[in-house]
Amino acid sequence: MNRKISIPGSAIAVIIFVSAVVSIDQQPDAYYPSSCACEEIFEQVVAKIDSNYIAPPLSFTSDDKAQYEQFIASNRGRFSITNMDSCLIRLDSFTRYFQDRHLFIYHGPSYSDEEKLAFREHTKREERSINDLLAATSSNANPLVGIWSDANYEMALVQENADPLKYKLVVTASGRDNWHPGDIKAEIQLIGNRYWAQYRMGDHTPRLREVRLINEGKILRIGTVTLGRRDRENPNARSFQDPRLPSARRIDESTYYISLPSFSIEKSKLDELLKSVKKEIQKTENLIIDIRGNTGGNAIYFDLMALYATQTYKSNQGLVLNSKDNLAYFRRFDELNKGKNDPYAPVVDRLQSTEVGTMVDGPDYRPRSFPKPRKYPAQVAILTNRDNASAAESFILQSKGISDRVITFGENTAGVIDYTSVNLVPVSCKKVGLFLGYPTGTLSK
């Protein structure tokens, strides 16, 4: 598998542009100690990437290395800022240099009980009535504007009257006692070429999150929060719907359909669905599995694969870069798997017996056997699009690896699978709560 990272010549210019236009002021810097300097955080990010990220030592040519060093040098001096939201956005832009969605900056600040109470008491309220908000969403063709919902809230995403580049996400119905219709859940604005939100969590504390429309505008992602678009033609229909949940239905006598919008759900949710439809699938000739819009999550899908598997699955053994953080990561998994078939203990041994900076073999997972194949489903179609990433791409590869009945239809996927198994390490003082997410190894050698 070719892991050569392609770095566009415009990468440096893009980062400089984004750094120049960032201006987010909603987050009170009073909550961040003055000792949390953005310049120091930037240097920590550079150091953590250098010591932990496997892509550069594995695939960079001498020209790639020189270009990256030039890129780092060009960014030094651009982090002399005090606003931590702006700092996060610039750091995010810096990590995008590698074009690897498994390398990212994550915002998870720590707040005291007193601060949490203050955030709740100062929750902003929308002046417009709920009916006016619903009317505003039905008459606006902007793809962001609309009624969005998850398992806890229904919300209207509307433009700010004074600024067409700014938006509000306002609660119109709530299934939680501490959120009420009219409360503003998020303030969103366009910065550079991306939308960012000050999103309020369930306890009203803020997090800075990127906003993305995926799956042809049907899904709104605010960081890891997933919202589904409600019907524009019937905005008054109220319900809390988790758009991540799987569903299934019979299309005709010979075809069954399963939708898997996300693998970031509890495995029990998918297991419940499979239990209810398993017998129907096993007597139906064709099975369509729709994963369009599925950006990944966890490997919760093996019981589904068992319905069409025709052979044993043997996973590939990848490589791991020896570092202090990676050793701690695999030690955690080793401890969790003590007494079981533990593929992580040998990795820990290899990391402990070799020098930092060397490559070692990663986990060698045992082969996965499946029951004897049945006659049906005889043909399995997996529907894909460019939003499919990470675990969704693993699902495709593994499905094709265990069955000669599988064929894919649709667009190319995102290509976020070469480097895998993400670790989070802190890169700032605890109060700011910035973490670097990075992949600990490769999918295969």
Protein backbone atom coordinates (compact mmCIF):
# COMPACT_ATOMS: atom_id res chain seq x y z
CA MET A 1 0.00 0.00 0.00
CA ASN A 2 1.41 3.38 -0.97
CA ARG A 3 1.54 5.77 1.98
CA LYS A 4 3.28 8.65 0.22
CA ILE A 5 1.74 11.85 1.56
CA SER A 6 1.01 14.33 -1.21
CA ILE A 7 1.62 17.89 -0.06
CA PRO A 8 0.17 20.60 -2.31
CA GLY A 9 2.34 23.59 -3.07
CA SER A 10 -0.40 25.91 -1.81
CA ALA A 11 -0.41 24.42 1.72
CA ILE A 12 1.73 27.15 3.27
CA ALA A 13 -0.32 29.93 1.69
CA VAL A 14 -3.55 28.37 2.97
CA ILE A 15 -2.34 28.31 6.56
CA ILE A 16 -1.09 31.89 6.38
CA PHE A 17 -4.46 33.00 5.00
CA VAL A 18 -6.46 31.25 7.70
CA SER A 19 -4.19 32.62 10.40
CA ALA A 20 -4.69 36.15 9.13
CA VAL A 21 -8.49 36.11 9.18
CA VAL A 22 -9.22 34.30 12.45
CA SER A 23 -11.21 36.37 14.91
CA ILE A 24 -13.39 34.60 17.42
CA ASP A 25 -14.18 36.47 20.60
CA GLN A 26 -17.12 34.66 22.15
CA GLN A 27 -15.02 32.53 24.51
CA PRO A 28 -14.00 34.57 27.58
CA ASP A 29 -10.23 34.45 27.87
CA ALA A 30 -10.63 35.09 31.62
CA TYR A 31 -11.19 31.34 31.90
CA TYR A 32 -7.70 30.67 30.49
CA PRO A 33 -4.59 31.34 32.62
CA SER A 34 -2.09 33.77 31.10
CA SER A 35 0.54 31.03 31.40
CA CYS A 36 -1.18 29.15 28.56
CA ALA A 37 0.77 30.81 25.75
CA CYS A 38 -0.20 29.87 22.21
CA GLU A 39 3.45 29.99 21.04
CA GLU A 40 4.35 27.34 23.61
CA ILE A 41 1.36 25.21 22.69
CA PHE A 42 2.42 25.37 19.03
CA GLU A 43 5.92 24.14 19.93
CA GLN A 44 4.37 21.29 21.94
CA VAL A 45 2.25 20.28 18.95
CA VAL A 46 5.30 20.27 16.68
CA ALA A 47 7.26 18.18 19.22
CA LYS A 48 4.40 15.70 19.74
CA ILE A 49 3.98 15.22 15.99
CA ASP A 50 7.74 14.73 15.63
CA SER A 51 7.91 12.07 18.35
CA ASN A 52 4.64 10.20 17.75
CA TYR A 53 3.31 10.56 14.20
CA ILE A 54 4.42 7.63 12.06
CA ALA A 55 3.82 9.12 8.60
CA PRO A 56 6.91 11.38 8.27
CA PRO A 57 9.59 8.83 9.29
CA LEU A 58 7.86 6.12 7.28
CA SER A 59 7.15 7.91 4.02
CA PHE A 60 8.81 11.34 3.82
CA THR A 61 11.54 11.86 1.26
CA SER A 62 14.38 14.30 1.96
CA ASP A 63 12.47 16.91 -0.08
CA ASP A 64 9.32 16.28 1.97
CA LYS A 65 11.28 16.75 5.19
CA ALA A 66 12.83 19.99 3.97
CA GLN A 67 9.44 21.32 2.88
CA TYR A 68 7.90 20.46 6.25
CA GLU A 69 10.72 22.17 8.14
CA GLN A 70 10.20 25.24 5.97
CA PHE A 71 6.49 25.07 6.75
CA ILE A 72 7.17 24.96 10.50
CA ALA A 73 9.56 27.90 10.25
CA SER A 74 7.04 29.94 8.26
CA ASN A 75 4.44 29.45 11.00
CA ARG A 76 6.62 30.42 13.95
CA GLY A 77 5.69 33.93 14.95
CA ARG A 78 2.07 33.48 13.84
CA PHE A 79 1.02 32.10 17.24
CA SER A 80 1.71 35.22 19.31
CA ILE A 81 -1.97 35.56 20.16
CA THR A 82 -3.93 35.52 23.41
CA ASN A 83 -7.33 34.39 22.16
CA MET A 84 -7.39 30.63 22.68
CA ASP A 85 -10.14 30.01 20.13
CA SER A 86 -8.01 31.64 17.46
CA CYS A 87 -5.06 29.61 18.73
CA LEU A 88 -7.00 26.37 18.33
CA ILE A 89 -8.10 27.22 14.80
CA ARG A 90 -4.55 28.03 13.73
CA LEU A 91 -3.28 24.81 15.28
CA ASP A 92 -6.02 22.92 13.45
CA SER A 93 -4.92 24.51 10.19
CA PHE A 94 -1.33 23.52 10.94
CA THR A 95 -2.20 19.84 11.39
CA ARG A 96 -4.11 19.84 8.10
CA TYR A 97 -0.78 20.11 6.33
CA PHE A 98 -0.61 16.30 6.42
CA GLN A 99 -4.10 15.81 4.96
CA ASP A 100 -4.79 13.07 7.51
CA ARG A 101 -8.09 13.31 9.40
CA HIS A 102 -6.64 11.08 12.11
CA LEU A 103 -4.23 13.91 12.97
CA PHE A 104 -6.15 16.74 14.63
CA ILE A 105 -6.52 19.18 17.53
CA TYR A 106 -9.25 18.42 20.06
CA HIS A 107 -10.74 20.94 22.50
CA GLY A 108 -11.72 19.52 25.90
CA PRO A 109 -11.30 22.21 28.57
CA SER A 110 -11.72 21.67 32.30
CA TYR A 111 -14.14 23.84 34.29
CA SER A 112 -14.91 24.08 37.99
CA ASP A 113 -18.44 23.58 39.31
CA GLU A 114 -18.68 27.34 39.85
CA GLU A 115 -17.71 28.04 36.25
CA LYS A 116 -20.18 25.46 34.95
CA LEU A 117 -22.93 27.15 36.94
CA ALA A 118 -21.90 30.56 35.55
CA PHE A 119 -22.07 29.27 31.98
CA ARG A 120 -25.54 27.87 32.61
CA GLU A 121 -26.80 31.10 34.20
CA HIS A 122 -25.46 33.16 31.29
CA THR A 123 -26.87 31.00 28.51
CA LYS A 124 -27.86 33.31 25.67
CA ARG A 125 -31.48 33.56 24.55
CA GLU A 126 -32.87 34.17 21.08
CA GLU A 127 -35.17 37.19 20.77
CA ARG A 128 -37.24 35.82 17.90
CA SER A 129 -40.18 33.56 18.68
CA ILE A 130 -40.08 29.85 17.90
CA ASN A 131 -42.68 30.33 15.17
CA ASP A 132 -40.56 33.07 13.58
CA LEU A 133 -37.51 30.80 13.70
CA LEU A 134 -39.39 27.95 12.06
CA ALA A 135 -40.67 30.31 9.38
CA ALA A 136 -37.13 31.58 8.76
CA THR A 137 -35.85 28.07 8.14
CA SER A 138 -38.62 27.16 5.70
CA SER A 139 -38.02 30.18 3.46
CA ASN A 140 -34.21 30.07 3.28
CA ALA A 141 -32.40 27.98 0.65
CA ASN A 142 -29.04 28.22 2.45
CA PRO A 143 -27.84 24.59 2.97
CA LEU A 144 -26.91 25.25 6.62
CA VAL A 145 -30.26 26.78 7.53
CA GLY A 146 -32.94 24.38 8.65
CA ILE A 147 -34.43 22.33 11.46
CA TRP A 148 -31.93 19.86 12.90
CA SER A 149 -32.39 17.22 15.58
CA ASP A 150 -30.72 14.48 17.58
CA ALA A 151 -31.87 12.27 20.43
CA ASN A 152 -32.13 15.20 22.89
CA TYR A 153 -32.96 18.36 20.97
CA GLU A 154 -34.73 19.87 18.02
CA MET A 155 -33.00 23.07 16.90
CA ALA A 156 -33.34 25.78 14.30
CA LEU A 157 -30.17 26.91 12.55
CA VAL A 158 -30.75 30.48 11.36
CA GLN A 159 -28.65 33.30 10.02
CA GLU A 160 -27.80 36.33 12.10
CA ASN A 161 -29.80 39.32 10.86
CA ALA A 162 -26.80 41.62 10.74
CA ASP A 163 -24.16 39.27 9.33
CA PRO A 164 -24.80 36.64 6.63
CA LEU A 165 -21.60 34.81 7.62
CA LYS A 166 -22.83 34.22 11.17
CA TYR A 167 -25.47 31.77 12.39
CA LYS A 168 -27.24 30.67 15.56
CA LEU A 169 -28.39 27.19 16.53
CA VAL A 170 -31.45 27.73 18.71
CA VAL A 171 -33.31 25.09 20.73
CA THR A 172 -36.93 24.79 19.57
CA ALA A 173 -37.78 21.69 21.62
CA SER A 174 -35.80 19.91 24.32
CA GLY A 175 -35.81 16.52 25.96
CA ARG A 176 -33.52 17.74 28.73
CA ASP A 177 -34.59 19.75 31.77
CA ASN A 178 -31.66 22.17 31.68
CA TRP A 179 -32.24 23.33 28.07
CA HIS A 180 -35.32 25.24 26.99
CA PRO A 181 -36.87 26.54 23.75
CA GLY A 182 -35.14 29.79 22.81
CA ASP A 183 -31.77 28.85 24.37
CA ILE A 184 -28.86 29.32 21.96
CA LYS A 185 -26.96 26.03 21.67
CA ALA A 186 -24.27 27.26 19.30
CA GLU A 187 -22.97 30.36 17.55
CA ILE A 188 -21.44 29.61 14.17
CA GLN A 189 -19.35 31.70 11.83
CA LEU A 190 -17.30 31.33 8.69
CA ILE A 191 -13.56 31.70 9.33
CA GLY A 192 -11.35 31.38 6.28
CA ASN A 193 -12.96 28.58 4.30
CA ARG A 194 -14.43 26.65 7.23
CA TYR A 195 -17.32 27.08 9.64
CA TRP A 196 -16.60 27.01 13.37
CA ALA A 197 -19.02 26.88 16.29
CA GLN A 198 -18.96 27.81 19.93
CA TYR A 199 -21.08 24.80 20.87
CA ARG A 200 -22.59 24.45 24.34
CA MET A 201 -22.46 20.97 25.76
CA GLY A 202 -25.23 19.42 27.85
CA ASP A 203 -23.86 21.15 30.96
CA HIS A 204 -23.74 24.48 29.07
CA THR A 205 -19.92 24.62 28.95
CA PRO A 206 -18.52 25.75 25.59
CA ARG A 207 -16.40 23.79 23.13
CA LEU A 208 -14.94 25.06 19.88
CA ARG A 209 -15.91 22.68 17.09
CA GLU A 210 -15.68 22.61 13.31
CA VAL A 211 -19.02 22.52 11.48
CA ARG A 212 -19.46 20.31 8.42
CA LEU A 213 -22.36 19.39 6.17
CA ILE A 214 -22.11 15.81 4.95
CA ASN A 215 -24.13 13.24 3.04
CA GLU A 216 -25.51 15.75 0.56
CA GLY A 217 -26.61 18.17 3.28
CA LYS A 218 -28.67 15.63 5.20
CA ILE A 219 -26.30 15.53 8.18
CA LEU A 220 -24.75 18.39 10.15
CA ARG A 221 -21.61 17.56 12.14
CA ILE A 222 -20.48 19.91 14.92
CA GLY A 223 -17.33 18.16 16.03
CA THR A 224 -18.57 14.72 17.03
CA VAL A 225 -22.17 15.91 17.52
CA THR A 226 -24.36 14.56 14.72
CA LEU A 227 -27.61 16.26 13.74
CA GLY A 228 -30.12 15.15 11.13
CA ARG A 229 -32.05 17.54 8.90
CA ARG A 230 -35.78 17.65 9.39
CA ASP A 231 -38.26 17.95 6.55
CA ARG A 232 -38.36 21.57 5.28
CA GLU A 233 -41.93 21.10 4.08
CA ASN A 234 -43.15 20.07 7.51
CA PRO A 235 -41.09 22.08 10.03
CA ASN A 236 -43.75 21.84 12.74
CA ALA A 237 -43.41 18.05 13.07
CA ARG A 238 -41.63 17.68 16.43
CA SER A 239 -39.58 14.67 17.46
CA PHE A 240 -36.13 13.84 18.75
CA GLN A 241 -34.42 11.60 16.26
CA ASP A 242 -30.86 10.31 16.56
CA PRO A 243 -29.61 10.37 12.95
CA ARG A 244 -26.80 7.94 13.81
CA LEU A 245 -29.11 4.99 14.48
CA PRO A 246 -29.32 2.11 11.98
CA SER A 247 -32.53 1.12 10.24
CA ALA A 248 -33.73 -1.61 7.92
CA ARG A 249 -36.60 -2.35 5.58
CA ARG A 250 -37.64 -4.69 2.82
CA ILE A 251 -37.55 -3.08 -0.64
CA ASP A 252 -39.15 -5.96 -2.52
CA GLU A 253 -39.38 -9.74 -2.41
CA SER A 254 -35.73 -10.22 -3.39
CA THR A 255 -34.04 -7.22 -1.76
CA TYR A 256 -33.46 -6.09 1.82
CA TYR A 257 -31.98 -2.71 2.78
CA ILE A 258 -29.95 -1.68 5.85
CA SER A 259 -28.85 1.88 6.57
CA LEU A 260 -25.76 2.37 8.77
CA PRO A 261 -25.32 6.15 9.19
CA SER A 262 -22.63 5.82 11.87
CA PHE A 263 -20.41 3.38 13.72
CA SER A 264 -20.18 5.87 16.62
CA ILE A 265 -23.08 4.27 18.48
CA GLU A 266 -23.38 1.59 21.12
CA LYS A 267 -22.93 -1.87 19.64
CA SER A 268 -26.18 -2.93 21.31
CA LYS A 269 -28.15 -0.57 19.03
CA LEU A 270 -26.95 -2.40 15.92
CA ASP A 271 -27.29 -5.79 17.60
CA GLU A 272 -30.95 -5.08 18.42
CA LEU A 273 -31.68 -4.23 14.81
CA LEU A 274 -29.88 -7.31 13.47
CA LYS A 275 -31.76 -9.55 15.89
CA SER A 276 -35.07 -8.27 14.50
CA VAL A 277 -34.18 -8.64 10.80
CA LYS A 278 -31.67 -11.50 10.69
CA LYS A 279 -34.14 -14.18 9.61
CA GLU A 280 -35.58 -11.93 6.91
CA ILE A 281 -32.12 -11.21 5.51
CA GLN A 282 -31.20 -14.91 5.50
CA LYS A 283 -34.11 -15.70 3.18
CA THR A 284 -33.60 -12.73 0.85
CA GLU A 285 -31.41 -12.95 -2.24
CA ASN A 286 -30.01 -9.39 -2.25
CA LEU A 287 -28.80 -7.20 0.60
CA ILE A 288 -28.08 -3.48 0.24
CA ILE A 289 -25.95 -1.91 2.99
CA ASP A 290 -26.03 1.89 2.80
CA ILE A 291 -23.11 3.53 4.65
CA ARG A 292 -23.22 6.87 2.82
CA GLY A 293 -22.41 9.64 5.28
CA ASN A 294 -20.85 7.21 7.77
CA THR A 295 -17.61 8.87 8.93
CA GLY A 296 -16.49 5.99 11.15
CA GLY A 297 -16.43 5.09 14.81
CA ASN A 298 -15.83 1.61 16.21
CA ALA A 299 -15.73 -1.90 14.75
CA ILE A 300 -19.25 -2.89 15.87
CA TYR A 301 -20.18 -4.55 12.58
CA PHE A 302 -18.81 -8.12 12.70
CA ASP A 303 -22.19 -9.69 13.55
CA LEU A 304 -23.58 -8.08 10.39
CA MET A 305 -20.65 -9.36 8.33
CA ALA A 306 -21.37 -12.87 9.62
CA LEU A 307 -24.59 -12.85 7.56
CA TYR A 308 -22.64 -12.84 4.29
CA ALA A 309 -19.14 -14.07 5.18
CA THR A 310 -17.81 -16.91 3.03
CA GLN A 311 -14.31 -17.21 4.50
CA THR A 312 -12.16 -16.49 7.56
CA TYR A 313 -10.89 -12.95 7.97
CA LYS A 314 -7.21 -12.37 8.69
CA SER A 315 -6.34 -8.79 9.50
CA ASN A 316 -3.14 -7.17 8.36
CA GLN A 317 -0.37 -6.48 10.86
CA GLY A 318 0.77 -2.87 10.75
CA LEU A 319 3.70 -0.92 12.12
CA VAL A 320 4.03 1.26 15.24
CA LEU A 321 6.50 4.08 15.90
CA ASN A 322 8.30 3.65 19.21
CA SER A 323 7.61 6.63 21.46
CA LYS A 324 6.82 7.30 25.11
CA ASP A 325 3.20 8.18 24.30
CA ASN A 326 2.70 5.14 22.08
CA LEU A 327 4.10 2.85 24.78
CA ALA A 328 1.62 4.31 27.28
CA TYR A 329 -1.20 3.86 24.74
CA PHE A 330 -0.52 0.15 24.16
CA ARG A 331 0.08 -0.46 27.86
CA ARG A 332 -3.46 0.75 28.53
CA PHE A 333 -4.89 -1.72 26.02
CA ASP A 334 -2.66 -4.48 27.39
CA GLU A 335 -4.06 -3.88 30.88
CA LEU A 336 -7.64 -3.94 29.58
CA ASN A 337 -7.04 -7.28 27.83
CA LYS A 338 -5.16 -9.16 30.57
CA GLY A 339 -6.32 -12.77 30.76
CA LYS A 340 -7.83 -12.59 27.26
CA ASN A 341 -6.36 -13.21 23.84
CA ASP A 342 -4.17 -10.12 24.16
CA PRO A 343 -2.58 -8.85 20.92
CA TYR A 344 -1.15 -5.79 22.70
CA ALA A 345 1.29 -7.41 25.16
CA PRO A 346 3.77 -8.35 22.38
CA VAL A 347 3.64 -4.74 21.12
CA VAL A 348 4.49 -3.47 24.60
CA ASP A 349 7.41 -5.92 24.77
CA ARG A 350 8.71 -4.80 21.39
CA LEU A 351 8.44 -1.12 22.32
CA GLN A 352 10.24 -1.69 25.61
CA SER A 353 13.09 -3.62 23.99
CA THR A 354 13.83 -1.20 21.13
CA GLU A 355 14.96 2.39 20.90
CA VAL A 356 12.63 5.37 20.68
CA GLY A 357 12.11 6.37 17.07
CA THR A 358 12.31 2.86 15.63
CA MET A 359 9.51 0.98 13.88
CA VAL A 360 8.11 -2.19 15.45
CA ASP A 361 5.38 -4.60 14.42
CA GLY A 362 1.93 -3.61 15.64
CA PRO A 363 -0.85 -5.80 17.07
CA ASP A 364 -1.30 -9.17 15.39
CA TYR A 365 -5.03 -9.79 15.74
CA ARG A 366 -6.24 -13.37 15.62
CA PRO A 367 -8.11 -14.57 12.53
CA ARG A 368 -11.89 -14.18 12.78
CA SER A 369 -13.97 -17.18 11.79
CA PHE A 370 -17.62 -17.03 10.78
CA PRO A 371 -20.44 -19.60 10.65
CA LYS A 372 -20.85 -21.72 7.56
CA PRO A 373 -22.23 -19.48 4.80
CA ARG A 374 -25.91 -19.73 3.93
CA LYS A 375 -27.44 -19.50 0.49
CA TYR A 376 -28.75 -15.98 1.11
CA PRO A 377 -27.95 -13.16 0.88
CA ALA A 378 -26.28 -14.20 -2.38
CA GLN A 379 -25.34 -10.66 -3.39
CA VAL A 380 -24.34 -7.80 -1.11
CA ALA A 381 -24.10 -4.21 -2.35
CA ILE A 382 -22.39 -1.58 -0.17
CA LEU A 383 -23.31 2.01 -1.06
CA THR A 384 -20.47 4.49 -0.43
CA ASN A 385 -19.65 8.17 -0.78
CA ARG A 386 -16.74 10.54 -0.13
CA ASP A 387 -17.78 11.05 3.51
CA ASN A 388 -16.93 7.46 4.40
CA ALA A 389 -13.79 7.42 6.53
CA SER A 390 -11.86 5.48 9.15
CA ALA A 391 -13.97 2.59 10.54
CA ALA A 392 -16.40 2.91 7.61
CA GLU A 393 -13.51 2.25 5.24
CA SER A 394 -12.37 -0.65 7.42
CA PHE A 395 -15.87 -2.09 7.14
CA ILE A 396 -15.63 -1.99 3.34
CA LEU A 397 -12.18 -3.60 3.25
CA GLN A 398 -13.11 -6.28 5.75
CA SER A 399 -16.43 -7.05 4.05
CA LYS A 400 -14.67 -7.60 0.74
CA GLY A 401 -11.98 -9.60 2.52
CA ILE A 402 -14.41 -12.11 4.05
CA SER A 403 -16.89 -12.51 1.20
CA ASP A 404 -16.88 -12.94 -2.56
CA ARG A 405 -20.50 -11.77 -2.60
CA VAL A 406 -19.69 -8.11 -1.87
CA ILE A 407 -19.43 -5.29 -4.38
CA THR A 408 -19.34 -1.54 -3.73
CA PHE A 409 -21.29 1.16 -5.54
CA GLY A 410 -20.88 4.92 -5.33
CA GLU A 411 -18.11 7.43 -4.82
CA ASN A 412 -14.53 6.98 -3.68
CA THR A 413 -14.20 7.15 0.09
CA ALA A 414 -12.25 9.75 2.10
CA GLY A 415 -9.00 7.80 2.35
CA VAL A 416 -8.52 7.92 6.13
CA ILE A 417 -7.40 4.36 6.69
CA ASP A 418 -3.66 4.00 6.04
CA TYR A 419 -2.87 5.28 9.54
CA THR A 420 -5.12 4.11 12.34
CA SER A 421 -5.75 3.57 16.10
CA VAL A 422 -5.93 7.15 17.39
CA ASN A 423 -4.36 8.32 20.64
CA LEU A 424 -5.05 11.65 22.39
CA VAL A 425 -2.23 13.43 24.25
CA PRO A 426 -2.42 16.82 26.02
CA VAL A 427 -0.51 19.69 24.43
CA SER A 428 -1.31 22.54 26.80
CA CYS A 429 -2.09 23.44 30.37
CA LYS A 430 -5.13 21.57 31.69
CA LYS A 431 -7.32 24.66 31.78
CA VAL A 432 -7.17 25.19 28.02
CA GLY A 433 -7.77 21.49 27.39
CA LEU A 434 -6.13 21.14 23.98
CA PHE A 435 -5.15 17.66 22.85
CA LEU A 436 -3.36 16.30 19.81
CA GLY A 437 -5.05 13.32 18.23
CA TYR A 438 -2.78 11.18 16.08
CA PRO A 439 -2.74 7.63 14.66
CA THR A 440 -0.45 5.26 16.53
CA GLY A 441 0.33 2.97 13.60
CA THR A 442 -0.37 1.79 10.08
CA LEU A 443 -3.14 -0.46 8.84
CA SER A 444 -0.62 -2.81 7.24
CA LYS A 445 3.09 -3.12 6.57
